[in-house]
């Protein structure tokens, strides 16, 4: 696989990771406004209020972990891209010297 193909794939990985991260961020931002709705909807299924709150808290914790993991994935994708870009540029710089 050529360096250009590798760089293109690395950039695609960054783009995908950033889109997923943006989606997760929107969910995270909506959690505060949807807390009561979420809990009440669970109560309508027969759960007690305390159990519904616990489920919501579990969901928030899951979303927090997801946000951290996605941030790490974006950082890793960016590092990989920069490593590839630096590696691709090194031989050209050596020839120029």
PDB file of N, CA and C in Angstrom:
ATOM      1  N   UNK A   1       0.847  -1.167   0.000  1.00  0.00           N
ATOM      2  CA  UNK A   1       0.000   0.000   0.000  1.00  0.00           C
ATOM      3  C   UNK A   1       0.898   1.237   0.000  1.00  0.00           C
ATOM      4  N   UNK A   2       0.578   2.179  -0.855  1.00  0.00           N
ATOM      5  CA  UNK A   2       1.411   3.372  -0.974  1.00  0.00           C
ATOM      6  C   UNK A   2       1.202   4.295   0.226  1.00  0.00           C
ATOM      7  N   UNK A   3       2.138   5.178   0.400  1.00  0.00           N
ATOM      8  CA  UNK A   3       2.056   6.134   1.502  1.00  0.00           C
ATOM      9  C   UNK A   3       0.837   7.023   1.354  1.00  0.00           C
ATOM     10  N   UNK A   4       0.510   7.415   0.126  1.00  0.00           N
ATOM     11  CA  UNK A   4      -0.681   8.243  -0.091  1.00  0.00           C
ATOM     12  C   UNK A   4      -1.944   7.511   0.344  1.00  0.00           C
ATOM     13  N   UNK A   5      -2.019   6.220   0.015  1.00  0.00           N
ATOM     14  CA  UNK A   5      -3.176   5.425   0.441  1.00  0.00           C
ATOM     15  C   UNK A   5      -3.247   5.334   1.964  1.00  0.00           C
ATOM     16  N   UNK A   6      -2.103   5.137   2.591  1.00  0.00           N
ATOM     17  CA  UNK A   6      -2.062   5.056   4.051  1.00  0.00           C
ATOM     18  C   UNK A   6      -2.493   6.381   4.680  1.00  0.00           C
ATOM     19  N   UNK A   7      -2.017   7.480   4.108  1.00  0.00           N
ATOM     20  CA  UNK A   7      -2.399   8.794   4.628  1.00  0.00           C
ATOM     21  C   UNK A   7      -3.894   9.040   4.445  1.00  0.00           C
ATOM     22  N   UNK A   8      -4.421   8.640   3.313  1.00  0.00           N
ATOM     23  CA  UNK A   8      -5.850   8.814   3.041  1.00  0.00           C
ATOM     24  C   UNK A   8      -6.683   7.991   4.037  1.00  0.00           C
ATOM     25  N   UNK A   9      -6.249   6.747   4.277  1.00  0.00           N
ATOM     26  CA  UNK A   9      -6.966   5.901   5.236  1.00  0.00           C
ATOM     27  C   UNK A   9      -6.860   6.468   6.644  1.00  0.00           C
ATOM     28  N   UNK A  10      -5.706   6.991   6.991  1.00  0.00           N
ATOM     29  CA  UNK A  10      -5.533   7.590   8.320  1.00  0.00           C
ATOM     30  C   UNK A  10      -6.417   8.827   8.467  1.00  0.00           C
ATOM     31  N   UNK A  11      -6.518   9.636   7.414  1.00  0.00           N
ATOM     32  CA  UNK A  11      -7.382  10.815   7.468  1.00  0.00           C
ATOM     33  C   UNK A  11      -8.848  10.394   7.552  1.00  0.00           C
ATOM     34  N   UNK A  12      -9.225   9.338   6.848  1.00  0.00           N
ATOM     35  CA  UNK A  12     -10.597   8.813   6.941  1.00  0.00           C
ATOM     36  C   UNK A  12     -10.907   8.359   8.365  1.00  0.00           C
ATOM     37  N   UNK A  13      -9.928   7.728   8.990  1.00  0.00           N
ATOM     38  CA  UNK A  13     -10.108   7.278  10.376  1.00  0.00           C
ATOM     39  C   UNK A  13     -10.323   8.473  11.303  1.00  0.00           C
ATOM     40  N   UNK A  14      -9.557   9.537  11.094  1.00  0.00           N
ATOM     41  CA  UNK A  14      -9.738  10.750  11.902  1.00  0.00           C
ATOM     42  C   UNK A  14     -11.140  11.310  11.703  1.00  0.00           C
ATOM     43  N   UNK A  15     -11.550  11.413  10.446  1.00  0.00           N
ATOM     44  CA  UNK A  15     -12.865  11.982  10.128  1.00  0.00           C
ATOM     45  C   UNK A  15     -13.983  11.162  10.761  1.00  0.00           C
ATOM     46  N   UNK A  16     -13.910   9.834  10.620  1.00  0.00           N
ATOM     47  CA  UNK A  16     -14.922   8.956  11.219  1.00  0.00           C
ATOM     48  C   UNK A  16     -14.961   9.111  12.736  1.00  0.00           C
ATOM     49  N   UNK A  17     -13.792   9.109  13.343  1.00  0.00           N
ATOM     50  CA  UNK A  17     -13.707   9.221  14.806  1.00  0.00           C
ATOM     51  C   UNK A  17     -14.271  10.559  15.280  1.00  0.00           C
ATOM     52  N   UNK A  18     -13.965  11.617  14.557  1.00  0.00           N
ATOM     53  CA  UNK A  18     -14.465  12.940  14.955  1.00  0.00           C
ATOM     54  C   UNK A  18     -15.984  13.031  14.804  1.00  0.00           C
ATOM     55  N   UNK A  19     -16.545  12.406  13.770  1.00  0.00           N
ATOM     56  CA  UNK A  19     -18.001  12.415  13.588  1.00  0.00           C
ATOM     57  C   UNK A  19     -18.691  11.658  14.716  1.00  0.00           C
ATOM     58  N   UNK A  20     -18.149  10.504  15.073  1.00  0.00           N
ATOM     59  CA  UNK A  20     -18.724   9.714  16.162  1.00  0.00           C
ATOM     60  C   UNK A  20     -18.606  10.484  17.472  1.00  0.00           C
ATOM     61  N   UNK A  21     -17.466  11.123  17.669  1.00  0.00           N
ATOM     62  CA  UNK A  21     -17.262  11.906  18.879  1.00  0.00           C
ATOM     63  C   UNK A  21     -18.258  13.072  18.945  1.00  0.00           C
ATOM     64  N   UNK A  22     -18.516  13.730  17.833  1.00  0.00           N
ATOM     65  CA  UNK A  22     -19.472  14.840  17.803  1.00  0.00           C
ATOM     66  C   UNK A  22     -20.880  14.355  18.143  1.00  0.00           C
ATOM     67  N   UNK A  23     -21.253  13.192  17.617  1.00  0.00           N
ATOM     68  CA  UNK A  23     -22.563  12.614  17.922  1.00  0.00           C
ATOM     69  C   UNK A  23     -22.681  12.302  19.421  1.00  0.00           C
ATOM     70  N   UNK A  24     -21.655  11.710  19.976  1.00  0.00           N
ATOM     71  CA  UNK A  24     -21.650  11.375  21.403  1.00  0.00           C
ATOM     72  C   UNK A  24     -21.707  12.650  22.253  1.00  0.00           C
ATOM     73  N   UNK A  25     -21.066  13.694  21.780  1.00  0.00           N
ATOM     74  CA  UNK A  25     -21.081  14.963  22.500  1.00  0.00           C
ATOM     75  C   UNK A  25     -22.489  15.563  22.529  1.00  0.00           C
ATOM     76  N   UNK A  26     -23.217  15.440  21.419  1.00  0.00           N
ATOM     77  CA  UNK A  26     -24.596  15.931  21.381  1.00  0.00           C
ATOM     78  C   UNK A  26     -25.475  15.161  22.375  1.00  0.00           C
ATOM     79  N   UNK A  27     -25.274  13.849  22.442  1.00  0.00           N
ATOM     80  CA  UNK A  27     -26.028  13.038  23.408  1.00  0.00           C
ATOM     81  C   UNK A  27     -25.683  13.498  24.822  1.00  0.00           C
ATOM     82  N   UNK A  28     -24.403  13.671  25.092  1.00  0.00           N
ATOM     83  CA  UNK A  28     -23.967  14.086  26.421  1.00  0.00           C
ATOM     84  C   UNK A  28     -24.605  15.424  26.801  1.00  0.00           C
ATOM     85  N   UNK A  29     -24.607  16.360  25.870  1.00  0.00           N
ATOM     86  CA  UNK A  29     -25.168  17.685  26.144  1.00  0.00           C
ATOM     87  C   UNK A  29     -26.676  17.638  26.371  1.00  0.00           C
ATOM     88  N   UNK A  30     -27.342  16.670  25.793  1.00  0.00           N
ATOM     89  CA  UNK A  30     -28.794  16.576  25.958  1.00  0.00           C
ATOM     90  C   UNK A  30     -29.206  15.823  27.221  1.00  0.00           C
ATOM     91  N   UNK A  31     -28.257  15.209  27.895  1.00  0.00           N
ATOM     92  CA  UNK A  31     -28.601  14.405  29.079  1.00  0.00           C
ATOM     93  C   UNK A  31     -29.226  15.243  30.190  1.00  0.00           C
ATOM     94  N   UNK A  32     -28.700  16.424  30.433  1.00  0.00           N
ATOM     95  CA  UNK A  32     -29.252  17.259  31.501  1.00  0.00           C
ATOM     96  C   UNK A  32     -30.707  17.604  31.245  1.00  0.00           C
ATOM     97  N   UNK A  33     -31.015  17.933  30.007  1.00  0.00           N
ATOM     98  CA  UNK A  33     -32.387  18.336  29.694  1.00  0.00           C
ATOM     99  C   UNK A  33     -33.334  17.151  29.589  1.00  0.00           C
ATOM    100  N   UNK A  34     -32.806  15.971  29.379  1.00  0.00           N
ATOM    101  CA  UNK A  34     -33.678  14.815  29.193  1.00  0.00           C
ATOM    102  C   UNK A  34     -33.771  13.927  30.430  1.00  0.00           C
ATOM    103  N   UNK A  35     -33.121  14.316  31.515  1.00  0.00           N
ATOM    104  CA  UNK A  35     -33.082  13.458  32.711  1.00  0.00           C
ATOM    105  C   UNK A  35     -34.490  13.103  33.200  1.00  0.00           C
ATOM    106  N   UNK A  36     -35.306  14.112  33.436  1.00  0.00           N
ATOM    107  CA  UNK A  36     -36.649  13.859  33.973  1.00  0.00           C
ATOM    108  C   UNK A  36     -37.481  13.036  32.996  1.00  0.00           C
ATOM    109  N   UNK A  37     -37.386  13.355  31.717  1.00  0.00           N
ATOM    110  CA  UNK A  37     -38.142  12.618  30.698  1.00  0.00           C
ATOM    111  C   UNK A  37     -37.719  11.160  30.667  1.00  0.00           C
ATOM    112  N   UNK A  38     -36.415  10.928  30.711  1.00  0.00           N
ATOM    113  CA  UNK A  38     -35.862   9.570  30.690  1.00  0.00           C
ATOM    114  C   UNK A  38     -36.368   8.778  31.897  1.00  0.00           C
ATOM    115  N   UNK A  39     -36.254   9.373  33.068  1.00  0.00           N
ATOM    116  CA  UNK A  39     -36.662   8.679  34.294  1.00  0.00           C
ATOM    117  C   UNK A  39     -38.164   8.415  34.282  1.00  0.00           C
ATOM    118  N   UNK A  40     -38.951   9.424  33.898  1.00  0.00           N
ATOM    119  CA  UNK A  40     -40.409   9.238  33.865  1.00  0.00           C
ATOM    120  C   UNK A  40     -40.824   8.170  32.859  1.00  0.00           C
ATOM    121  N   UNK A  41     -40.132   8.115  31.723  1.00  0.00           N
ATOM    122  CA  UNK A  41     -40.488   7.085  30.741  1.00  0.00           C
ATOM    123  C   UNK A  41     -40.193   5.694  31.284  1.00  0.00           C
ATOM    124  N   UNK A  42     -39.117   5.554  32.035  1.00  0.00           N
ATOM    125  CA  UNK A  42     -38.817   4.262  32.656  1.00  0.00           C
ATOM    126  C   UNK A  42     -39.839   3.919  33.737  1.00  0.00           C
ATOM    127  N   UNK A  43     -40.290   4.928  34.469  1.00  0.00           N
ATOM    128  CA  UNK A  43     -41.311   4.691  35.505  1.00  0.00           C
ATOM    129  C   UNK A  43     -42.608   4.195  34.873  1.00  0.00           C
ATOM    130  N   UNK A  44     -42.923   4.691  33.685  1.00  0.00           N
ATOM    131  CA  UNK A  44     -44.148   4.251  33.008  1.00  0.00           C
ATOM    132  C   UNK A  44     -44.070   2.790  32.570  1.00  0.00           C
ATOM    133  N   UNK A  45     -42.872   2.228  32.538  1.00  0.00           N
ATOM    134  CA  UNK A  45     -42.741   0.811  32.191  1.00  0.00           C
ATOM    135  C   UNK A  45     -42.898  -0.080  33.417  1.00  0.00           C
ATOM    136  N   UNK A  46     -43.094   0.551  34.584  1.00  0.00           N
ATOM    137  CA  UNK A  46     -43.301  -0.232  35.794  1.00  0.00           C
ATOM    138  C   UNK A  46     -42.139  -0.185  36.771  1.00  0.00           C
ATOM    139  N   UNK A  47     -41.054   0.480  36.410  1.00  0.00           N
ATOM    140  CA  UNK A  47     -39.923   0.580  37.343  1.00  0.00           C
ATOM    141  C   UNK A  47     -40.242   1.591  38.435  1.00  0.00           C
ATOM    142  N   UNK A  48     -39.665   1.370  39.598  1.00  0.00           N
ATOM    143  CA  UNK A  48     -39.804   2.369  40.662  1.00  0.00           C
ATOM    144  C   UNK A  48     -38.965   3.584  40.277  1.00  0.00           C
ATOM    145  N   UNK A  49     -39.274   4.710  40.906  1.00  0.00           N
ATOM    146  CA  UNK A  49     -38.533   5.942  40.605  1.00  0.00           C
ATOM    147  C   UNK A  49     -37.048   5.759  40.926  1.00  0.00           C
ATOM    148  N   UNK A  50     -36.757   5.119  42.062  1.00  0.00           N
ATOM    149  CA  UNK A  50     -35.363   4.899  42.469  1.00  0.00           C
ATOM    150  C   UNK A  50     -34.634   4.013  41.452  1.00  0.00           C
ATOM    151  N   UNK A  51     -35.304   2.972  40.976  1.00  0.00           N
ATOM    152  CA  UNK A  51     -34.690   2.084  39.995  1.00  0.00           C
ATOM    153  C   UNK A  51     -34.475   2.821  38.673  1.00  0.00           C
ATOM    154  N   UNK A  52     -35.427   3.649  38.279  1.00  0.00           N
ATOM    155  CA  UNK A  52     -35.298   4.431  37.052  1.00  0.00           C
ATOM    156  C   UNK A  52     -34.140   5.415  37.168  1.00  0.00           C
ATOM    157  N   UNK A  53     -33.992   6.043  38.331  1.00  0.00           N
ATOM    158  CA  UNK A  53     -32.861   6.954  38.554  1.00  0.00           C
ATOM    159  C   UNK A  53     -31.546   6.206  38.438  1.00  0.00           C
ATOM    160  N   UNK A  54     -31.514   5.015  38.999  1.00  0.00           N
ATOM    161  CA  UNK A  54     -30.307   4.192  38.937  1.00  0.00           C
ATOM    162  C   UNK A  54     -29.966   3.849  37.482  1.00  0.00           C
ATOM    163  N   UNK A  55     -30.979   3.507  36.703  1.00  0.00           N
ATOM    164  CA  UNK A  55     -30.753   3.200  35.278  1.00  0.00           C
ATOM    165  C   UNK A  55     -30.215   4.438  34.553  1.00  0.00           C
ATOM    166  N   UNK A  56     -30.785   5.592  34.847  1.00  0.00           N
ATOM    167  CA  UNK A  56     -30.317   6.827  34.219  1.00  0.00           C
ATOM    168  C   UNK A  56     -28.862   7.093  34.606  1.00  0.00           C
ATOM    169  N   UNK A  57     -28.542   6.948  35.880  1.00  0.00           N
ATOM    170  CA  UNK A  57     -27.166   7.164  36.340  1.00  0.00           C
ATOM    171  C   UNK A  57     -26.196   6.203  35.650  1.00  0.00           C
ATOM    172  N   UNK A  58     -26.626   4.951  35.477  1.00  0.00           N
ATOM    173  CA  UNK A  58     -25.796   3.976  34.761  1.00  0.00           C
ATOM    174  C   UNK A  58     -25.567   4.420  33.316  1.00  0.00           C
ATOM    175  N   UNK A  59     -26.627   4.924  32.689  1.00  0.00           N
ATOM    176  CA  UNK A  59     -26.526   5.400  31.308  1.00  0.00           C
ATOM    177  C   UNK A  59     -25.565   6.581  31.217  1.00  0.00           C
ATOM    178  N   UNK A  60     -25.656   7.503  32.169  1.00  0.00           N
ATOM    179  CA  UNK A  60     -24.758   8.665  32.179  1.00  0.00           C
ATOM    180  C   UNK A  60     -23.309   8.201  32.323  1.00  0.00           C
ATOM    181  N   UNK A  61     -23.077   7.255  33.200  1.00  0.00           N
ATOM    182  CA  UNK A  61     -21.714   6.746  33.398  1.00  0.00           C
ATOM    183  C   UNK A  61     -21.200   6.063  32.125  1.00  0.00           C
ATOM    184  N   UNK A  62     -22.069   5.312  31.476  1.00  0.00           N
ATOM    185  CA  UNK A  62     -21.695   4.664  30.214  1.00  0.00           C
ATOM    186  C   UNK A  62     -21.336   5.712  29.157  1.00  0.00           C
ATOM    187  N   UNK A  63     -22.114   6.784  29.087  1.00  0.00           N
ATOM    188  CA  UNK A  63     -21.840   7.851  28.130  1.00  0.00           C
ATOM    189  C   UNK A  63     -20.534   8.573  28.459  1.00  0.00           C
ATOM    190  N   UNK A  64     -20.252   8.744  29.740  1.00  0.00           N
ATOM    191  CA  UNK A  64     -18.998   9.388  30.149  1.00  0.00           C
ATOM    192  C   UNK A  64     -17.794   8.553  29.701  1.00  0.00           C
ATOM    193  N   UNK A  65     -17.882   7.240  29.928  1.00  0.00           N
ATOM    194  CA  UNK A  65     -16.801   6.341  29.498  1.00  0.00           C
ATOM    195  C   UNK A  65     -16.656   6.354  27.974  1.00  0.00           C
ATOM    196  N   UNK A  66     -17.784   6.384  27.279  1.00  0.00           N
ATOM    197  CA  UNK A  66     -17.756   6.432  25.818  1.00  0.00           C
ATOM    198  C   UNK A  66     -17.066   7.706  25.331  1.00  0.00           C
ATOM    199  N   UNK A  67     -17.399   8.848  25.945  1.00  0.00           N
ATOM    200  CA  UNK A  67     -16.771  10.114  25.559  1.00  0.00           C
ATOM    201  C   UNK A  67     -15.262  10.053  25.724  1.00  0.00           C
ATOM    202  N   UNK A  68     -14.802   9.481  26.837  1.00  0.00           N
ATOM    203  CA  UNK A  68     -13.360   9.359  27.076  1.00  0.00           C
ATOM    204  C   UNK A  68     -12.702   8.462  26.029  1.00  0.00           C
ATOM    205  N   UNK A  69     -13.340   7.325  25.765  1.00  0.00           N
ATOM    206  CA  UNK A  69     -12.782   6.393  24.780  1.00  0.00           C
ATOM    207  C   UNK A  69     -12.727   7.026  23.394  1.00  0.00           C
ATOM    208  N   UNK A  70     -13.775   7.747  23.023  1.00  0.00           N
ATOM    209  CA  UNK A  70     -13.789   8.388  21.704  1.00  0.00           C
ATOM    210  C   UNK A  70     -12.735   9.480  21.603  1.00  0.00           C
ATOM    211  N   UNK A  71     -12.531  10.221  22.668  1.00  0.00           N
ATOM    212  CA  UNK A  71     -11.482  11.251  22.661  1.00  0.00           C
ATOM    213  C   UNK A  71     -10.109  10.594  22.477  1.00  0.00           C
ATOM    214  N   UNK A  72      -9.908   9.450  23.125  1.00  0.00           N
ATOM    215  CA  UNK A  72      -8.643   8.731  22.976  1.00  0.00           C
ATOM    216  C   UNK A  72      -8.479   8.204  21.548  1.00  0.00           C
ATOM    217  N   UNK A  73      -9.573   7.738  20.948  1.00  0.00           N
ATOM    218  CA  UNK A  73      -9.519   7.239  19.573  1.00  0.00           C
ATOM    219  C   UNK A  73      -9.172   8.354  18.596  1.00  0.00           C
ATOM    220  N   UNK A  74      -9.754   9.536  18.793  1.00  0.00           N
ATOM    221  CA  UNK A  74      -9.446  10.667  17.915  1.00  0.00           C
ATOM    222  C   UNK A  74      -7.974  11.047  18.056  1.00  0.00           C
ATOM    223  N   UNK A  75      -7.493  11.105  19.292  1.00  0.00           N
ATOM    224  CA  UNK A  75      -6.090  11.436  19.525  1.00  0.00           C
ATOM    225  C   UNK A  75      -5.163  10.402  18.887  1.00  0.00           C
ATOM    226  N   UNK A  76      -5.503   9.132  19.017  1.00  0.00           N
ATOM    227  CA  UNK A  76      -4.683   8.071  18.432  1.00  0.00           C
ATOM    228  C   UNK A  76      -4.689   8.169  16.912  1.00  0.00           C
ATOM    229  N   UNK A  77      -5.842   8.438  16.330  1.00  0.00           N
ATOM    230  CA  UNK A  77      -5.935   8.575  14.868  1.00  0.00           C
ATOM    231  C   UNK A  77      -5.108   9.760  14.392  1.00  0.00           C
ATOM    232  N   UNK A  78      -5.152  10.844  15.134  1.00  0.00           N
ATOM    233  CA  UNK A  78      -4.361  12.020  14.760  1.00  0.00           C
ATOM    234  C   UNK A  78      -2.869  11.737  14.885  1.00  0.00           C
ATOM    235  N   UNK A  79      -2.474  11.055  15.957  1.00  0.00           N
ATOM    236  CA  UNK A  79      -1.058  10.687  16.120  1.00  0.00           C
ATOM    237  C   UNK A  79      -0.591   9.787  14.985  1.00  0.00           C
ATOM    238  N   UNK A  80      -1.421   8.787  14.645  1.00  0.00           N
ATOM    239  CA  UNK A  80      -1.053   7.872  13.558  1.00  0.00           C
ATOM    240  C   UNK A  80      -0.879   8.626  12.250  1.00  0.00           C
ATOM    241  N   UNK A  81      -1.799   9.546  11.981  1.00  0.00           N
ATOM    242  CA  UNK A  81      -1.714  10.331  10.745  1.00  0.00           C
ATOM    243  C   UNK A  81      -0.424  11.161  10.738  1.00  0.00           C
ATOM    244  N   UNK A  82      -0.141  11.819  11.855  1.00  0.00           N
ATOM    245  CA  UNK A  82       1.076  12.647  11.916  1.00  0.00           C
ATOM    246  C   UNK A  82       2.335  11.794  11.778  1.00  0.00           C
ATOM    247  N   UNK A  83       2.317  10.608  12.379  1.00  0.00           N
ATOM    248  CA  UNK A  83       3.461   9.707  12.237  1.00  0.00           C
ATOM    249  C   UNK A  83       3.663   9.310  10.779  1.00  0.00           C
ATOM    250  N   UNK A  84       2.566   8.986  10.100  1.00  0.00           N
ATOM    251  CA  UNK A  84       2.656   8.631   8.682  1.00  0.00           C
ATOM    252  C   UNK A  84       3.121   9.823   7.853  1.00  0.00           C
ATOM    253  N   UNK A  85       2.565  10.987   8.135  1.00  0.00           N
ATOM    254  CA  UNK A  85       2.931  12.190   7.377  1.00  0.00           C
ATOM    255  C   UNK A  85       4.398  12.536   7.599  1.00  0.00           C
ATOM    256  N   UNK A  86       4.856  12.413   8.852  1.00  0.00           N
ATOM    257  CA  UNK A  86       6.271  12.683   9.133  1.00  0.00           C
ATOM    258  C   UNK A  86       7.163  11.659   8.452  1.00  0.00           C
ATOM    259  N   UNK A  87       6.736  10.407   8.466  1.00  0.00           N
ATOM    260  CA  UNK A  87       7.510   9.353   7.809  1.00  0.00           C
ATOM    261  C   UNK A  87       7.565   9.527   6.312  1.00  0.00           C
ATOM    262  N   UNK A  88       6.477  10.019   5.725  1.00  0.00           N
ATOM    263  CA  UNK A  88       6.438  10.243   4.281  1.00  0.00           C
ATOM    264  C   UNK A  88       7.297  11.423   3.889  1.00  0.00           C
ATOM    265  N   UNK A  89       7.395  12.415   4.787  1.00  0.00           N
ATOM    266  CA  UNK A  89       8.160  13.607   4.467  1.00  0.00           C
ATOM    267  C   UNK A  89       9.639  13.456   4.725  1.00  0.00           C
ATOM    268  N   UNK A  90      10.034  12.511   5.566  1.00  0.00           N
ATOM    269  CA  UNK A  90      11.428  12.365   5.946  1.00  0.00           C
ATOM    270  C   UNK A  90      12.339  12.043   4.772  1.00  0.00           C
ATOM    271  N   UNK A  91      12.007  11.086   3.897  1.00  0.00           N
ATOM    272  CA  UNK A  91      12.907  10.790   2.789  1.00  0.00           C
ATOM    273  C   UNK A  91      13.068  11.994   1.841  1.00  0.00           C
ATOM    274  N   UNK A  92      12.025  12.715   1.606  1.00  0.00           N
ATOM    275  CA  UNK A  92      12.105  13.878   0.708  1.00  0.00           C
ATOM    276  C   UNK A  92      13.009  14.939   1.325  1.00  0.00           C
ATOM    277  N   UNK A  93      12.914  15.143   2.621  1.00  0.00           N
ATOM    278  CA  UNK A  93      13.753  16.116   3.294  1.00  0.00           C
ATOM    279  C   UNK A  93      15.207  15.677   3.260  1.00  0.00           C
ATOM    280  N   UNK A  94      15.430  14.364   3.406  1.00  0.00           N
ATOM    281  CA  UNK A  94      16.799  13.849   3.389  1.00  0.00           C
ATOM    282  C   UNK A  94      17.398  14.045   2.009  1.00  0.00           C
ATOM    283  N   UNK A  95      16.589  13.864   0.951  1.00  0.00           N
ATOM    284  CA  UNK A  95      17.092  14.060  -0.408  1.00  0.00           C
ATOM    285  C   UNK A  95      17.402  15.519  -0.660  1.00  0.00           C
ATOM    286  N   UNK A  96      16.620  16.431  -0.088  1.00  0.00           N
ATOM    287  CA  UNK A  96      16.808  17.851  -0.301  1.00  0.00           C
ATOM    288  C   UNK A  96      18.094  18.332   0.384  1.00  0.00           C
ATOM    289  N   UNK A  97      18.507  17.673   1.441  1.00  0.00           N
ATOM    290  CA  UNK A  97      19.700  18.079   2.183  1.00  0.00           C
ATOM    291  C   UNK A  97      20.904  17.598   1.481  1.00  0.00           C
TER     292      UNK A  97
END
